[in-house]
Amino acid sequence: MNEQCIDYHIAHVGDAWGIFRDGTQIGVRDNPADAIAFANFFADRETLIAPVPVHVTADTLLHRVIRDLRMAA
């Protein structure tokens, strides 16, 4: 049986970062760190009320941006 879960996904949309909950866009942020914080905030709150697991995922471009930020720090 497939386990259901709630998925928050961060993806590059134009010149910004879109935050999606189960495929529906719920927010946009210009800064990748703000997009991560936004998605994590709502995912964290949802873990308290949801009877299923909650995941936060990101597209490959965000992974590269995070890697580059870490290298620059």
N, C-alpha and C. Protein backbone atom coordinates (compact mmCIF):
# COMPACT_ATOMS: atom_id res chain seq x y z
N MET A 1 0.84 -1.19 0.00
CA MET A 1 0.00 0.00 0.00
C MET A 1 0.88 1.24 0.00
N ASN A 2 0.56 2.21 -0.84
CA ASN A 2 1.32 3.46 -0.88
C ASN A 2 0.99 4.32 0.31
N GLU A 3 2.02 4.82 0.96
CA GLU A 3 1.83 5.70 2.09
C GLU A 3 1.54 7.11 1.59
N GLN A 4 0.50 7.73 2.11
CA GLN A 4 0.20 9.09 1.74
C GLN A 4 1.09 10.03 2.53
N CYS A 5 1.37 11.18 1.96
CA CYS A 5 2.14 12.20 2.65
C CYS A 5 1.77 13.56 2.09
N ILE A 6 2.12 14.59 2.83
CA ILE A 6 1.93 15.96 2.38
C ILE A 6 3.29 16.44 1.90
N ASP A 7 3.33 16.99 0.69
CA ASP A 7 4.60 17.38 0.09
C ASP A 7 4.64 18.89 -0.14
N TYR A 8 5.62 19.53 0.47
CA TYR A 8 5.93 20.92 0.17
C TYR A 8 7.14 20.90 -0.76
N HIS A 9 7.04 21.59 -1.88
CA HIS A 9 8.12 21.56 -2.87
C HIS A 9 8.51 22.99 -3.22
N ILE A 10 9.81 23.23 -3.32
CA ILE A 10 10.34 24.54 -3.69
C ILE A 10 10.94 24.41 -5.08
N ALA A 11 10.51 25.28 -5.99
CA ALA A 11 10.98 25.21 -7.38
C ALA A 11 11.24 26.61 -7.91
N HIS A 12 12.23 26.70 -8.79
CA HIS A 12 12.56 27.97 -9.43
C HIS A 12 11.46 28.30 -10.44
N VAL A 13 10.86 29.49 -10.28
CA VAL A 13 9.77 29.93 -11.15
C VAL A 13 10.12 31.32 -11.64
N GLY A 14 10.52 31.44 -12.89
CA GLY A 14 10.94 32.74 -13.41
C GLY A 14 12.17 33.24 -12.68
N ASP A 15 12.06 34.41 -12.05
CA ASP A 15 13.17 34.99 -11.30
C ASP A 15 13.00 34.79 -9.79
N ALA A 16 12.10 33.92 -9.40
CA ALA A 16 11.81 33.74 -7.98
C ALA A 16 11.71 32.24 -7.66
N TRP A 17 11.36 31.96 -6.42
CA TRP A 17 11.21 30.58 -5.95
C TRP A 17 9.76 30.37 -5.54
N GLY A 18 9.11 29.41 -6.18
CA GLY A 18 7.73 29.10 -5.84
C GLY A 18 7.68 28.00 -4.80
N ILE A 19 6.74 28.13 -3.88
CA ILE A 19 6.53 27.11 -2.85
C ILE A 19 5.18 26.47 -3.15
N PHE A 20 5.18 25.15 -3.24
CA PHE A 20 3.99 24.40 -3.61
C PHE A 20 3.64 23.41 -2.50
N ARG A 21 2.35 23.29 -2.23
CA ARG A 21 1.85 22.27 -1.30
C ARG A 21 1.00 21.31 -2.12
N ASP A 22 1.47 20.08 -2.21
CA ASP A 22 0.78 19.06 -3.00
C ASP A 22 0.41 19.55 -4.40
N GLY A 23 1.34 20.27 -5.03
CA GLY A 23 1.16 20.70 -6.41
C GLY A 23 0.49 22.05 -6.59
N THR A 24 -0.03 22.64 -5.52
CA THR A 24 -0.69 23.94 -5.60
C THR A 24 0.25 25.01 -5.06
N GLN A 25 0.50 26.04 -5.84
CA GLN A 25 1.41 27.09 -5.40
C GLN A 25 0.78 27.88 -4.26
N ILE A 26 1.54 28.00 -3.15
CA ILE A 26 1.03 28.72 -1.98
C ILE A 26 1.86 29.95 -1.65
N GLY A 27 2.98 30.14 -2.34
CA GLY A 27 3.81 31.30 -2.06
C GLY A 27 4.92 31.48 -3.06
N VAL A 28 5.50 32.68 -3.05
CA VAL A 28 6.64 33.01 -3.90
C VAL A 28 7.60 33.85 -3.07
N ARG A 29 8.88 33.54 -3.18
CA ARG A 29 9.91 34.30 -2.48
C ARG A 29 11.05 34.58 -3.45
N ASP A 30 11.65 35.77 -3.33
CA ASP A 30 12.78 36.14 -4.19
C ASP A 30 14.08 35.48 -3.72
N ASN A 31 14.21 35.28 -2.43
CA ASN A 31 15.43 34.75 -1.83
C ASN A 31 15.26 33.25 -1.57
N PRO A 32 16.22 32.42 -1.99
CA PRO A 32 16.07 30.98 -1.76
C PRO A 32 16.00 30.60 -0.28
N ALA A 33 16.73 31.31 0.57
CA ALA A 33 16.66 31.01 2.01
C ALA A 33 15.28 31.34 2.56
N ASP A 34 14.67 32.41 2.08
CA ASP A 34 13.31 32.75 2.50
C ASP A 34 12.31 31.68 2.04
N ALA A 35 12.51 31.16 0.85
CA ALA A 35 11.62 30.11 0.34
C ALA A 35 11.72 28.85 1.20
N ILE A 36 12.94 28.50 1.59
CA ILE A 36 13.13 27.34 2.45
C ILE A 36 12.48 27.57 3.80
N ALA A 37 12.68 28.74 4.37
CA ALA A 37 12.09 29.06 5.67
C ALA A 37 10.56 29.03 5.60
N PHE A 38 9.99 29.57 4.52
CA PHE A 38 8.54 29.59 4.34
C PHE A 38 7.99 28.16 4.30
N ALA A 39 8.58 27.32 3.46
CA ALA A 39 8.11 25.94 3.34
C ALA A 39 8.29 25.17 4.64
N ASN A 40 9.43 25.34 5.29
CA ASN A 40 9.67 24.63 6.55
C ASN A 40 8.72 25.08 7.65
N PHE A 41 8.39 26.37 7.70
CA PHE A 41 7.47 26.88 8.71
C PHE A 41 6.12 26.18 8.61
N PHE A 42 5.56 26.16 7.39
CA PHE A 42 4.25 25.54 7.22
C PHE A 42 4.30 24.03 7.38
N ALA A 43 5.37 23.41 6.90
CA ALA A 43 5.50 21.96 7.06
C ALA A 43 5.62 21.59 8.54
N ASP A 44 6.38 22.37 9.29
CA ASP A 44 6.54 22.11 10.72
C ASP A 44 5.20 22.23 11.45
N ARG A 45 4.43 23.27 11.14
CA ARG A 45 3.11 23.43 11.76
C ARG A 45 2.19 22.28 11.39
N GLU A 46 2.28 21.84 10.13
CA GLU A 46 1.38 20.79 9.67
C GLU A 46 1.70 19.43 10.31
N THR A 47 2.94 19.22 10.70
CA THR A 47 3.28 17.95 11.36
C THR A 47 2.54 17.79 12.68
N LEU A 48 2.14 18.91 13.28
CA LEU A 48 1.42 18.85 14.55
C LEU A 48 -0.04 18.44 14.39
N ILE A 49 -0.61 18.64 13.20
CA ILE A 49 -2.02 18.36 13.00
C ILE A 49 -2.31 17.27 11.96
N ALA A 50 -1.34 16.97 11.11
CA ALA A 50 -1.57 16.02 10.02
C ALA A 50 -1.38 14.59 10.51
N PRO A 51 -2.26 13.70 10.09
CA PRO A 51 -2.11 12.29 10.47
C PRO A 51 -1.15 11.52 9.56
N VAL A 52 -0.51 12.22 8.61
CA VAL A 52 0.42 11.59 7.67
C VAL A 52 1.75 12.34 7.69
N PRO A 53 2.82 11.73 7.20
CA PRO A 53 4.13 12.41 7.15
C PRO A 53 4.09 13.66 6.26
N VAL A 54 4.96 14.61 6.59
CA VAL A 54 5.08 15.85 5.82
C VAL A 54 6.52 15.94 5.32
N HIS A 55 6.69 16.19 4.02
CA HIS A 55 8.02 16.28 3.41
C HIS A 55 8.22 17.65 2.79
N VAL A 56 9.46 18.15 2.83
CA VAL A 56 9.83 19.36 2.11
C VAL A 56 10.90 18.95 1.10
N THR A 57 10.66 19.22 -0.17
CA THR A 57 11.60 18.87 -1.22
C THR A 57 11.94 20.11 -2.04
N ALA A 58 12.97 20.00 -2.86
CA ALA A 58 13.40 21.13 -3.68
C ALA A 58 13.88 20.63 -5.04
N ASP A 59 13.82 21.52 -6.02
CA ASP A 59 14.31 21.15 -7.34
C ASP A 59 15.85 21.17 -7.35
N THR A 60 16.43 20.67 -8.42
CA THR A 60 17.89 20.55 -8.49
C THR A 60 18.58 21.90 -8.49
N LEU A 61 17.95 22.92 -9.05
CA LEU A 61 18.57 24.25 -9.06
C LEU A 61 18.74 24.78 -7.63
N LEU A 62 17.77 24.57 -6.78
CA LEU A 62 17.89 25.02 -5.40
C LEU A 62 19.01 24.28 -4.69
N HIS A 63 19.15 23.00 -4.98
CA HIS A 63 20.26 22.24 -4.39
C HIS A 63 21.61 22.84 -4.81
N ARG A 64 21.73 23.24 -6.08
CA ARG A 64 22.97 23.87 -6.54
C ARG A 64 23.20 25.23 -5.88
N VAL A 65 22.13 26.01 -5.75
CA VAL A 65 22.25 27.33 -5.10
C VAL A 65 22.70 27.17 -3.66
N ILE A 66 22.13 26.22 -2.95
CA ILE A 66 22.51 25.97 -1.55
C ILE A 66 23.97 25.55 -1.47
N ARG A 67 24.40 24.67 -2.37
CA ARG A 67 25.80 24.23 -2.38
C ARG A 67 26.73 25.42 -2.60
N ASP A 68 26.37 26.29 -3.57
CA ASP A 68 27.19 27.46 -3.85
C ASP A 68 27.24 28.42 -2.66
N LEU A 69 26.12 28.60 -1.97
CA LEU A 69 26.09 29.44 -0.78
C LEU A 69 26.98 28.88 0.31
N ARG A 70 26.96 27.58 0.47
CA ARG A 70 27.81 26.94 1.49
C ARG A 70 29.29 27.09 1.14
N MET A 71 29.61 26.98 -0.12
CA MET A 71 31.00 27.12 -0.55
C MET A 71 31.50 28.55 -0.32
N ALA A 72 30.61 29.53 -0.51
CA ALA A 72 30.99 30.94 -0.35
C ALA A 72 31.10 31.35 1.11
N ALA A 73 30.47 30.60 1.99
CA ALA A 73 30.46 30.98 3.42
C ALA A 73 31.79 30.70 4.09
